[in-house]
């Protein structure tokens, strides 16, 4: 099982949550950013339908693969 951590950080004159190198939108307060991160973390745990997905890989090539809608990551929020 994979694991996703959302970190609350200062960003663009406000606050955001960050996962890896990706930032959320900017929020006016730390509390707003944390609440949004908690919602995002909760949504990551919700199972969905198994489906075929397509995305562009880091090498610029398109990848098609089967995504198991019940294989959900563990999540947490820091900050």
C-alpha atoms as a PDB file:
ATOM      1  CA  UNK A   1       0.000   0.000   0.000  1.00  0.00           C
ATOM      2  CA  UNK A   2       1.299   3.447  -0.851  1.00  0.00           C
ATOM      3  CA  UNK A   3       1.389   6.371   1.554  1.00  0.00           C
ATOM      4  CA  UNK A   4       0.576  10.050   0.871  1.00  0.00           C
ATOM      5  CA  UNK A   5       1.598  12.821   3.268  1.00  0.00           C
ATOM      6  CA  UNK A   6       0.186  16.329   2.950  1.00  0.00           C
ATOM      7  CA  UNK A   7       2.422  18.989   4.524  1.00  0.00           C
ATOM      8  CA  UNK A   8       1.178  22.460   5.424  1.00  0.00           C
ATOM      9  CA  UNK A   9       3.652  25.083   4.124  1.00  0.00           C
ATOM     10  CA  UNK A  10       3.868  28.821   3.496  1.00  0.00           C
ATOM     11  CA  UNK A  11       3.290  29.480  -0.206  1.00  0.00           C
ATOM     12  CA  UNK A  12       2.669  32.545  -2.422  1.00  0.00           C
ATOM     13  CA  UNK A  13       1.999  34.896   0.476  1.00  0.00           C
ATOM     14  CA  UNK A  14      -0.321  32.486   2.270  1.00  0.00           C
ATOM     15  CA  UNK A  15      -0.541  28.805   3.156  1.00  0.00           C
ATOM     16  CA  UNK A  16      -0.920  25.655   1.093  1.00  0.00           C
ATOM     17  CA  UNK A  17      -0.657  21.934   1.480  1.00  0.00           C
ATOM     18  CA  UNK A  18       1.993  20.079  -0.441  1.00  0.00           C
ATOM     19  CA  UNK A  19       2.351  16.466  -1.511  1.00  0.00           C
ATOM     20  CA  UNK A  20       5.722  15.646  -3.016  1.00  0.00           C
ATOM     21  CA  UNK A  21       6.569  18.618  -5.248  1.00  0.00           C
ATOM     22  CA  UNK A  22       2.938  19.590  -5.865  1.00  0.00           C
ATOM     23  CA  UNK A  23       1.257  22.514  -4.091  1.00  0.00           C
ATOM     24  CA  UNK A  24      -2.448  23.062  -3.547  1.00  0.00           C
ATOM     25  CA  UNK A  25      -4.047  26.428  -4.131  1.00  0.00           C
ATOM     26  CA  UNK A  26      -3.036  29.131  -1.653  1.00  0.00           C
ATOM     27  CA  UNK A  27      -5.180  29.721   1.427  1.00  0.00           C
ATOM     28  CA  UNK A  28      -5.303  32.829   3.622  1.00  0.00           C
ATOM     29  CA  UNK A  29      -4.582  30.961   6.854  1.00  0.00           C
ATOM     30  CA  UNK A  30      -2.792  27.893   8.153  1.00  0.00           C
ATOM     31  CA  UNK A  31      -6.092  26.573   9.525  1.00  0.00           C
ATOM     32  CA  UNK A  32      -7.796  26.826   6.118  1.00  0.00           C
ATOM     33  CA  UNK A  33      -4.899  25.020   4.419  1.00  0.00           C
ATOM     34  CA  UNK A  34      -4.914  22.300   7.083  1.00  0.00           C
ATOM     35  CA  UNK A  35      -8.685  21.798   6.773  1.00  0.00           C
ATOM     36  CA  UNK A  36      -8.323  21.458   2.989  1.00  0.00           C
ATOM     37  CA  UNK A  37      -5.465  18.975   3.422  1.00  0.00           C
ATOM     38  CA  UNK A  38      -7.537  16.889   5.838  1.00  0.00           C
ATOM     39  CA  UNK A  39     -10.393  16.825   3.279  1.00  0.00           C
ATOM     40  CA  UNK A  40      -7.974  15.801   0.503  1.00  0.00           C
ATOM     41  CA  UNK A  41      -6.451  13.080   2.687  1.00  0.00           C
ATOM     42  CA  UNK A  42      -9.909  11.756   3.555  1.00  0.00           C
ATOM     43  CA  UNK A  43     -10.956  11.720  -0.128  1.00  0.00           C
ATOM     44  CA  UNK A  44      -7.842   9.697  -1.052  1.00  0.00           C
ATOM     45  CA  UNK A  45      -9.139   6.833   1.105  1.00  0.00           C
ATOM     46  CA  UNK A  46     -12.537   6.550  -0.613  1.00  0.00           C
ATOM     47  CA  UNK A  47     -12.707   3.480  -2.877  1.00  0.00           C
ATOM     48  CA  UNK A  48     -13.800   3.928  -6.477  1.00  0.00           C
ATOM     49  CA  UNK A  49     -14.410   1.733  -9.494  1.00  0.00           C
ATOM     50  CA  UNK A  50     -11.585  -0.117 -11.171  1.00  0.00           C
ATOM     51  CA  UNK A  51     -10.833   1.605 -14.479  1.00  0.00           C
ATOM     52  CA  UNK A  52      -8.260   2.038 -17.198  1.00  0.00           C
ATOM     53  CA  UNK A  53      -6.345   5.307 -16.804  1.00  0.00           C
ATOM     54  CA  UNK A  54      -3.953   7.160 -19.062  1.00  0.00           C
ATOM     55  CA  UNK A  55      -1.278   9.639 -18.013  1.00  0.00           C
ATOM     56  CA  UNK A  56       1.946  11.153 -19.281  1.00  0.00           C
ATOM     57  CA  UNK A  57       5.040   9.681 -17.658  1.00  0.00           C
ATOM     58  CA  UNK A  58       8.124  11.655 -16.626  1.00  0.00           C
ATOM     59  CA  UNK A  59       9.755  10.654 -19.923  1.00  0.00           C
ATOM     60  CA  UNK A  60       6.940  12.314 -21.918  1.00  0.00           C
ATOM     61  CA  UNK A  61       5.453   8.996 -23.057  1.00  0.00           C
ATOM     62  CA  UNK A  62       1.767   8.211 -22.493  1.00  0.00           C
ATOM     63  CA  UNK A  63       1.047   5.236 -20.250  1.00  0.00           C
ATOM     64  CA  UNK A  64      -2.205   3.258 -20.078  1.00  0.00           C
ATOM     65  CA  UNK A  65      -2.780   1.043 -17.075  1.00  0.00           C
ATOM     66  CA  UNK A  66      -5.490  -0.552 -14.960  1.00  0.00           C
ATOM     67  CA  UNK A  67      -6.181   1.312 -11.715  1.00  0.00           C
ATOM     68  CA  UNK A  68      -7.711  -0.791  -8.965  1.00  0.00           C
ATOM     69  CA  UNK A  69     -10.320   1.456  -7.386  1.00  0.00           C
ATOM     70  CA  UNK A  70      -9.980  -0.349  -4.067  1.00  0.00           C
ATOM     71  CA  UNK A  71      -6.193   0.044  -3.774  1.00  0.00           C
ATOM     72  CA  UNK A  72      -6.229   3.287  -1.769  1.00  0.00           C
ATOM     73  CA  UNK A  73      -3.202   4.873  -0.090  1.00  0.00           C
ATOM     74  CA  UNK A  74      -2.708   5.503   3.588  1.00  0.00           C
ATOM     75  CA  UNK A  75      -2.710   9.267   4.245  1.00  0.00           C
ATOM     76  CA  UNK A  76      -1.720  11.776   6.887  1.00  0.00           C
ATOM     77  CA  UNK A  77      -1.392  15.542   7.350  1.00  0.00           C
ATOM     78  CA  UNK A  78       1.658  17.217   8.937  1.00  0.00           C
ATOM     79  CA  UNK A  79       1.909  20.794  10.091  1.00  0.00           C
END
